[in-house]
């Protein structure tokens, strides 16, 4: 290996380390999670000022949550890339219960379907979805 090859290899390694540092600094590639109920309520409030969440069903992995306010309105919050996105849960959202999992599909294709592992609470939240259909 010549001196020129060593310089080129060193410069390539330095560039790789710099890019890795930059990606980390920018928060790219992060794995956003909803930490707890208060975090989910805060995210719903950021999506709609005055929402005032009082109850949360958080996915076991923390990728999504349903937040309900005192009026019975619900907001679906999910990890979306590096950030979070939220959409109201209304009669246009389709809910499908499968044991401990509740899958919500919004009419907005870019938001996509969200499957939440809610354990024994999945049935209760699915029931709340049915009341939206008739309300």
N, C-alpha and C. Protein backbone atom coordinates (compact mmCIF):
# COMPACT_ATOMS: atom_id res chain seq x y z
N UNK A 1 0.85 -1.16 0.00
CA UNK A 1 0.00 0.00 0.00
C UNK A 1 0.91 1.24 0.00
N UNK A 2 0.62 2.13 -0.89
CA UNK A 2 1.45 3.34 -1.01
C UNK A 2 0.94 4.42 -0.06
N UNK A 3 1.72 5.46 0.09
CA UNK A 3 1.35 6.59 0.94
C UNK A 3 0.08 7.25 0.43
N UNK A 4 -0.05 7.32 -0.89
CA UNK A 4 -1.24 7.91 -1.49
C UNK A 4 -2.49 7.09 -1.14
N UNK A 5 -2.36 5.76 -1.15
CA UNK A 5 -3.47 4.88 -0.80
C UNK A 5 -3.87 5.07 0.67
N UNK A 6 -2.88 5.23 1.54
CA UNK A 6 -3.15 5.44 2.96
C UNK A 6 -3.87 6.77 3.19
N UNK A 7 -3.45 7.79 2.49
CA UNK A 7 -4.10 9.11 2.61
C UNK A 7 -5.55 9.03 2.12
N UNK A 8 -5.75 8.36 1.00
CA UNK A 8 -7.10 8.23 0.44
C UNK A 8 -8.00 7.42 1.38
N UNK A 9 -7.48 6.34 1.96
CA UNK A 9 -8.25 5.53 2.90
C UNK A 9 -8.59 6.33 4.15
N UNK A 10 -7.62 7.06 4.67
CA UNK A 10 -7.85 7.90 5.86
C UNK A 10 -8.88 8.97 5.61
N UNK A 11 -8.80 9.61 4.44
CA UNK A 11 -9.77 10.66 4.10
C UNK A 11 -11.18 10.06 3.95
N UNK A 12 -11.27 8.87 3.37
CA UNK A 12 -12.57 8.20 3.22
C UNK A 12 -13.17 7.87 4.58
N UNK A 13 -12.34 7.35 5.49
CA UNK A 13 -12.82 7.03 6.84
C UNK A 13 -13.27 8.28 7.57
N UNK A 14 -12.52 9.35 7.44
CA UNK A 14 -12.89 10.61 8.09
C UNK A 14 -14.23 11.11 7.55
N UNK A 15 -14.44 10.99 6.24
CA UNK A 15 -15.70 11.42 5.64
C UNK A 15 -16.87 10.57 6.15
N UNK A 16 -16.67 9.27 6.28
CA UNK A 16 -17.72 8.37 6.78
C UNK A 16 -18.07 8.74 8.22
N UNK A 17 -17.07 8.96 9.07
CA UNK A 17 -17.33 9.32 10.46
C UNK A 17 -18.03 10.67 10.57
N UNK A 18 -17.63 11.61 9.70
CA UNK A 18 -18.27 12.92 9.70
C UNK A 18 -19.75 12.79 9.32
N UNK A 19 -20.06 12.02 8.28
CA UNK A 19 -21.45 11.83 7.86
C UNK A 19 -22.27 11.14 8.95
N UNK A 20 -21.69 10.14 9.61
CA UNK A 20 -22.39 9.46 10.70
C UNK A 20 -22.70 10.44 11.83
N UNK A 21 -21.73 11.28 12.16
CA UNK A 21 -21.94 12.29 13.20
C UNK A 21 -23.04 13.26 12.78
N UNK A 22 -23.00 13.71 11.53
CA UNK A 22 -23.97 14.67 11.03
C UNK A 22 -25.39 14.09 11.04
N UNK A 23 -25.53 12.84 10.62
CA UNK A 23 -26.83 12.18 10.63
C UNK A 23 -27.37 12.11 12.06
N UNK A 24 -26.52 11.74 13.00
CA UNK A 24 -26.94 11.68 14.40
C UNK A 24 -27.32 13.05 14.94
N UNK A 25 -26.56 14.05 14.58
CA UNK A 25 -26.81 15.42 15.04
C UNK A 25 -28.13 15.97 14.51
N UNK A 26 -28.46 15.59 13.28
CA UNK A 26 -29.71 16.05 12.66
C UNK A 26 -30.92 15.24 13.13
N UNK A 27 -30.67 14.14 13.82
CA UNK A 27 -31.76 13.31 14.32
C UNK A 27 -32.31 12.36 13.27
N UNK A 28 -31.62 12.23 12.16
CA UNK A 28 -32.08 11.32 11.12
C UNK A 28 -31.83 9.88 11.57
N UNK A 29 -32.74 9.01 11.22
CA UNK A 29 -32.58 7.62 11.59
C UNK A 29 -32.99 7.33 13.02
N UNK A 30 -33.54 8.34 13.70
CA UNK A 30 -33.99 8.13 15.08
C UNK A 30 -35.21 7.23 15.08
N UNK A 31 -35.48 6.65 16.20
CA UNK A 31 -36.60 5.74 16.36
C UNK A 31 -37.57 6.36 17.35
N UNK A 32 -38.43 7.30 16.88
CA UNK A 32 -39.29 8.01 17.83
C UNK A 32 -40.33 7.08 18.45
N UNK A 33 -40.52 7.24 19.73
CA UNK A 33 -41.50 6.44 20.47
C UNK A 33 -42.31 7.38 21.36
N UNK A 34 -43.53 7.00 21.61
CA UNK A 34 -44.37 7.72 22.56
C UNK A 34 -44.03 7.13 23.92
N UNK A 35 -43.43 7.95 24.76
CA UNK A 35 -42.87 7.47 26.03
C UNK A 35 -43.93 7.02 27.02
N UNK A 36 -45.01 7.79 27.15
CA UNK A 36 -46.03 7.47 28.15
C UNK A 36 -47.30 8.24 27.81
N UNK A 37 -48.30 8.13 28.69
CA UNK A 37 -49.59 8.77 28.44
C UNK A 37 -49.47 10.29 28.34
N UNK A 38 -48.67 10.90 29.22
CA UNK A 38 -48.55 12.36 29.17
C UNK A 38 -47.88 12.82 27.88
N UNK A 39 -46.95 12.05 27.36
CA UNK A 39 -46.32 12.38 26.08
C UNK A 39 -47.36 12.30 24.97
N UNK A 40 -48.20 11.27 24.97
CA UNK A 40 -49.25 11.12 23.96
C UNK A 40 -50.23 12.29 24.02
N UNK A 41 -50.62 12.68 25.23
CA UNK A 41 -51.55 13.82 25.39
C UNK A 41 -50.91 15.09 24.86
N UNK A 42 -49.65 15.29 25.15
CA UNK A 42 -48.94 16.48 24.67
C UNK A 42 -48.89 16.50 23.14
N UNK A 43 -48.66 15.35 22.51
CA UNK A 43 -48.62 15.28 21.04
C UNK A 43 -49.99 15.58 20.44
N UNK A 44 -51.06 15.07 21.07
CA UNK A 44 -52.42 15.35 20.58
C UNK A 44 -52.72 16.84 20.72
N UNK A 45 -52.28 17.43 21.82
CA UNK A 45 -52.49 18.86 22.06
C UNK A 45 -51.72 19.70 21.03
N UNK A 46 -50.54 19.25 20.63
CA UNK A 46 -49.77 19.97 19.60
C UNK A 46 -50.48 19.90 18.26
N UNK A 47 -51.18 18.80 18.01
CA UNK A 47 -51.90 18.65 16.75
C UNK A 47 -53.17 19.49 16.71
N UNK A 48 -53.83 19.60 17.87
CA UNK A 48 -55.06 20.39 17.95
C UNK A 48 -55.08 21.13 19.28
N UNK A 49 -54.87 22.42 19.22
CA UNK A 49 -54.85 23.23 20.44
C UNK A 49 -56.18 23.10 21.17
N UNK A 50 -56.11 22.90 22.47
CA UNK A 50 -57.30 22.78 23.28
C UNK A 50 -57.92 21.40 23.29
N UNK A 51 -57.27 20.41 22.70
CA UNK A 51 -57.83 19.06 22.64
C UNK A 51 -58.09 18.50 24.04
N UNK A 52 -57.15 18.65 24.94
CA UNK A 52 -57.36 18.27 26.34
C UNK A 52 -57.57 16.79 26.57
N UNK A 53 -56.61 15.98 26.20
CA UNK A 53 -56.72 14.54 26.39
C UNK A 53 -56.82 14.14 27.85
N UNK A 54 -57.66 13.13 28.13
CA UNK A 54 -57.84 12.66 29.50
C UNK A 54 -57.55 11.16 29.64
N UNK A 55 -57.54 10.44 28.52
CA UNK A 55 -57.31 9.00 28.57
C UNK A 55 -56.49 8.58 27.35
N UNK A 56 -55.60 7.62 27.55
CA UNK A 56 -54.69 7.21 26.48
C UNK A 56 -54.63 5.69 26.39
N UNK A 57 -54.66 5.20 25.16
CA UNK A 57 -54.35 3.80 24.88
C UNK A 57 -53.07 3.83 24.06
N UNK A 58 -51.97 3.44 24.68
CA UNK A 58 -50.65 3.49 24.03
C UNK A 58 -50.25 2.11 23.57
N UNK A 59 -49.83 2.03 22.33
CA UNK A 59 -49.30 0.78 21.78
C UNK A 59 -48.15 0.30 22.65
N UNK A 60 -48.07 -1.00 22.86
CA UNK A 60 -47.03 -1.56 23.75
C UNK A 60 -45.62 -1.16 23.34
N UNK A 61 -45.39 -1.02 22.03
CA UNK A 61 -44.06 -0.64 21.54
C UNK A 61 -43.85 0.87 21.56
N UNK A 62 -44.92 1.63 21.73
CA UNK A 62 -44.80 3.08 21.79
C UNK A 62 -44.79 3.78 20.44
N UNK A 63 -45.16 3.08 19.38
CA UNK A 63 -45.16 3.71 18.06
C UNK A 63 -46.42 4.52 17.79
N UNK A 64 -47.50 4.26 18.54
CA UNK A 64 -48.76 4.95 18.30
C UNK A 64 -49.59 4.97 19.59
N UNK A 65 -50.59 5.85 19.59
CA UNK A 65 -51.50 5.93 20.73
C UNK A 65 -52.81 6.54 20.27
N UNK A 66 -53.88 6.20 21.00
CA UNK A 66 -55.17 6.86 20.82
C UNK A 66 -55.38 7.70 22.07
N UNK A 67 -55.70 8.96 21.86
CA UNK A 67 -55.94 9.86 22.98
C UNK A 67 -57.41 10.29 22.93
N UNK A 68 -58.10 10.18 24.06
CA UNK A 68 -59.51 10.58 24.15
C UNK A 68 -59.61 11.80 25.06
N UNK A 69 -60.47 12.75 24.67
CA UNK A 69 -60.67 13.91 25.54
C UNK A 69 -61.98 13.75 26.32
N UNK A 70 -62.28 14.71 27.18
CA UNK A 70 -63.45 14.62 28.06
C UNK A 70 -64.77 14.61 27.28
N UNK A 71 -64.76 15.14 26.06
CA UNK A 71 -65.97 15.15 25.22
C UNK A 71 -66.17 13.84 24.49
N UNK A 72 -65.20 12.92 24.57
CA UNK A 72 -65.30 11.64 23.89
C UNK A 72 -64.65 11.63 22.52
N UNK A 73 -64.13 12.76 22.07
CA UNK A 73 -63.42 12.81 20.79
C UNK A 73 -62.09 12.09 20.94
N UNK A 74 -61.60 11.51 19.86
CA UNK A 74 -60.35 10.78 19.91
C UNK A 74 -59.39 11.27 18.83
N UNK A 75 -58.10 11.13 19.14
CA UNK A 75 -57.03 11.52 18.24
C UNK A 75 -56.05 10.35 18.16
N UNK A 76 -55.67 9.99 16.95
CA UNK A 76 -54.66 8.95 16.74
C UNK A 76 -53.32 9.63 16.52
N UNK A 77 -52.34 9.25 17.32
CA UNK A 77 -50.99 9.81 17.22
C UNK A 77 -50.07 8.66 16.85
N UNK A 78 -49.19 8.90 15.89
CA UNK A 78 -48.26 7.84 15.48
C UNK A 78 -46.91 8.40 15.10
N UNK A 79 -45.90 7.53 15.21
CA UNK A 79 -44.58 7.89 14.71
C UNK A 79 -44.70 7.98 13.20
N UNK A 80 -44.11 9.02 12.64
CA UNK A 80 -44.15 9.23 11.19
C UNK A 80 -42.78 9.73 10.78
N UNK A 81 -41.96 8.82 10.29
CA UNK A 81 -40.58 9.18 9.99
C UNK A 81 -39.85 9.50 11.27
N UNK A 82 -39.27 10.67 11.33
CA UNK A 82 -38.51 11.12 12.49
C UNK A 82 -39.35 11.86 13.52
N UNK A 83 -40.61 12.09 13.19
CA UNK A 83 -41.47 12.92 14.01
C UNK A 83 -42.75 12.16 14.35
N UNK A 84 -43.75 12.89 14.77
CA UNK A 84 -45.06 12.30 15.04
C UNK A 84 -46.11 13.01 14.22
N UNK A 85 -47.15 12.28 13.89
CA UNK A 85 -48.29 12.85 13.18
C UNK A 85 -49.55 12.45 13.94
N UNK A 86 -50.59 13.27 13.83
CA UNK A 86 -51.84 12.98 14.53
C UNK A 86 -53.01 13.26 13.61
N UNK A 87 -54.05 12.46 13.75
CA UNK A 87 -55.27 12.64 12.99
C UNK A 87 -56.45 12.38 13.90
N UNK A 88 -57.55 13.12 13.71
CA UNK A 88 -58.75 12.84 14.50
C UNK A 88 -59.30 11.46 14.14
N UNK A 89 -59.82 10.78 15.13
CA UNK A 89 -60.49 9.50 14.90
C UNK A 89 -61.98 9.83 14.86
N UNK A 90 -62.56 9.67 13.68
CA UNK A 90 -63.98 9.97 13.50
C UNK A 90 -64.64 8.82 12.75
N UNK A 91 -65.85 9.04 12.28
CA UNK A 91 -66.60 7.96 11.63
C UNK A 91 -65.97 7.49 10.32
N UNK A 92 -65.03 8.25 9.78
CA UNK A 92 -64.37 7.87 8.54
C UNK A 92 -63.20 6.92 8.77
N UNK A 93 -62.77 6.79 10.01
CA UNK A 93 -61.67 5.89 10.35
C UNK A 93 -62.24 4.50 10.57
N UNK A 94 -61.64 3.52 9.92
CA UNK A 94 -62.09 2.14 10.05
C UNK A 94 -61.26 1.44 11.11
N UNK A 95 -61.94 0.84 12.07
CA UNK A 95 -61.25 0.09 13.12
C UNK A 95 -61.49 -1.40 12.96
N UNK A 96 -60.43 -2.18 13.12
CA UNK A 96 -60.55 -3.64 13.02
C UNK A 96 -59.87 -4.26 14.24
N UNK A 97 -60.62 -5.05 14.98
CA UNK A 97 -60.12 -5.70 16.19
C UNK A 97 -59.66 -7.11 15.85
N UNK A 98 -58.47 -7.48 16.32
CA UNK A 98 -57.96 -8.83 16.17
C UNK A 98 -57.26 -9.20 17.47
N UNK A 99 -58.00 -9.81 18.37
CA UNK A 99 -57.52 -10.19 19.71
C UNK A 99 -57.02 -8.96 20.46
N UNK A 100 -55.73 -8.86 20.71
CA UNK A 100 -55.16 -7.74 21.47
C UNK A 100 -54.72 -6.58 20.59
N UNK A 101 -55.02 -6.65 19.30
CA UNK A 101 -54.58 -5.64 18.35
C UNK A 101 -55.77 -4.89 17.77
N UNK A 102 -55.61 -3.58 17.65
CA UNK A 102 -56.62 -2.74 17.02
C UNK A 102 -55.94 -2.02 15.86
N UNK A 103 -56.45 -2.23 14.66
CA UNK A 103 -55.91 -1.57 13.47
C UNK A 103 -56.86 -0.47 13.05
N UNK A 104 -56.33 0.74 12.93
CA UNK A 104 -57.11 1.89 12.50
C UNK A 104 -56.62 2.31 11.12
N UNK A 105 -57.55 2.45 10.21
CA UNK A 105 -57.23 2.88 8.85
C UNK A 105 -57.94 4.19 8.58
N UNK A 106 -57.15 5.22 8.32
CA UNK A 106 -57.71 6.54 8.02
C UNK A 106 -57.97 6.65 6.52
N UNK A 107 -58.87 7.54 6.11
CA UNK A 107 -59.11 7.71 4.68
C UNK A 107 -57.92 8.36 3.97
N UNK A 108 -57.01 8.93 4.72
CA UNK A 108 -55.84 9.59 4.16
C UNK A 108 -54.75 8.54 3.88
N UNK A 109 -54.51 8.26 2.62
CA UNK A 109 -53.56 7.20 2.26
C UNK A 109 -52.15 7.46 2.77
N UNK A 110 -51.73 8.70 2.80
CA UNK A 110 -50.36 9.00 3.23
C UNK A 110 -50.16 8.75 4.72
N UNK A 111 -51.24 8.78 5.49
CA UNK A 111 -51.12 8.50 6.93
C UNK A 111 -51.04 7.00 7.16
N UNK A 112 -51.74 6.25 6.34
CA UNK A 112 -51.67 4.80 6.41
C UNK A 112 -52.46 4.18 7.54
N UNK A 113 -52.44 2.87 7.57
CA UNK A 113 -53.10 2.11 8.64
C UNK A 113 -52.13 1.99 9.81
N UNK A 114 -52.67 1.98 11.01
CA UNK A 114 -51.86 1.89 12.21
C UNK A 114 -52.40 0.74 13.05
N UNK A 115 -51.53 -0.19 13.42
CA UNK A 115 -51.91 -1.30 14.28
C UNK A 115 -51.32 -1.07 15.66
N UNK A 116 -52.18 -1.05 16.66
CA UNK A 116 -51.77 -0.84 18.04
C UNK A 116 -51.96 -2.14 18.82
N UNK A 117 -50.95 -2.55 19.52
CA UNK A 117 -51.08 -3.69 20.42
C UNK A 117 -51.50 -3.11 21.78
N UNK A 118 -52.78 -3.31 22.12
CA UNK A 118 -53.33 -2.70 23.32
C UNK A 118 -53.65 -3.71 24.42
N UNK A 119 -53.39 -4.97 24.15
CA UNK A 119 -53.71 -5.98 25.14
C UNK A 119 -55.20 -6.08 25.36
N UNK A 120 -55.61 -6.28 26.59
CA UNK A 120 -57.03 -6.47 26.92
C UNK A 120 -57.86 -5.21 26.67
N UNK A 121 -57.23 -4.04 26.57
CA UNK A 121 -57.94 -2.80 26.32
C UNK A 121 -58.39 -2.65 24.86
N UNK A 122 -57.89 -3.49 23.97
CA UNK A 122 -58.19 -3.35 22.55
C UNK A 122 -59.69 -3.42 22.29
N UNK A 123 -60.39 -4.34 22.95
CA UNK A 123 -61.83 -4.49 22.76
C UNK A 123 -62.61 -3.25 23.18
N UNK A 124 -62.21 -2.65 24.31
CA UNK A 124 -62.89 -1.45 24.79
C UNK A 124 -62.73 -0.30 23.79
N UNK A 125 -61.52 -0.12 23.27
CA UNK A 125 -61.29 0.96 22.31
C UNK A 125 -61.98 0.67 20.98
N UNK A 126 -62.07 -0.59 20.59
CA UNK A 126 -62.81 -0.95 19.37
C UNK A 126 -64.29 -0.63 19.55
N UNK A 127 -64.81 -0.88 20.74
CA UNK A 127 -66.20 -0.55 21.04
C UNK A 127 -66.45 0.95 20.92
N UNK A 128 -65.51 1.73 21.38
CA UNK A 128 -65.62 3.19 21.25
C UNK A 128 -65.63 3.61 19.78
N UNK A 129 -64.92 2.87 18.96
CA UNK A 129 -64.92 3.15 17.51
C UNK A 129 -66.32 2.93 16.93
N UNK A 130 -67.01 1.89 17.40
CA UNK A 130 -68.36 1.61 16.90
C UNK A 130 -69.31 2.74 17.25
N UNK A 131 -69.15 3.37 18.40
CA UNK A 131 -70.05 4.48 18.76
C UNK A 131 -69.81 5.68 17.85
N UNK A 132 -68.59 5.84 17.33
CA UNK A 132 -68.32 6.92 16.39
C UNK A 132 -69.07 6.72 15.08
N UNK A 133 -69.24 5.49 14.66
CA UNK A 133 -69.91 5.19 13.41
C UNK A 133 -71.38 5.62 13.45
N UNK A 134 -71.96 5.53 14.64
CA UNK A 134 -73.39 5.84 14.76
C UNK A 134 -73.63 7.25 15.28
N UNK A 135 -72.54 7.95 15.65
CA UNK A 135 -72.70 9.27 16.24
C UNK A 135 -72.67 10.39 15.27
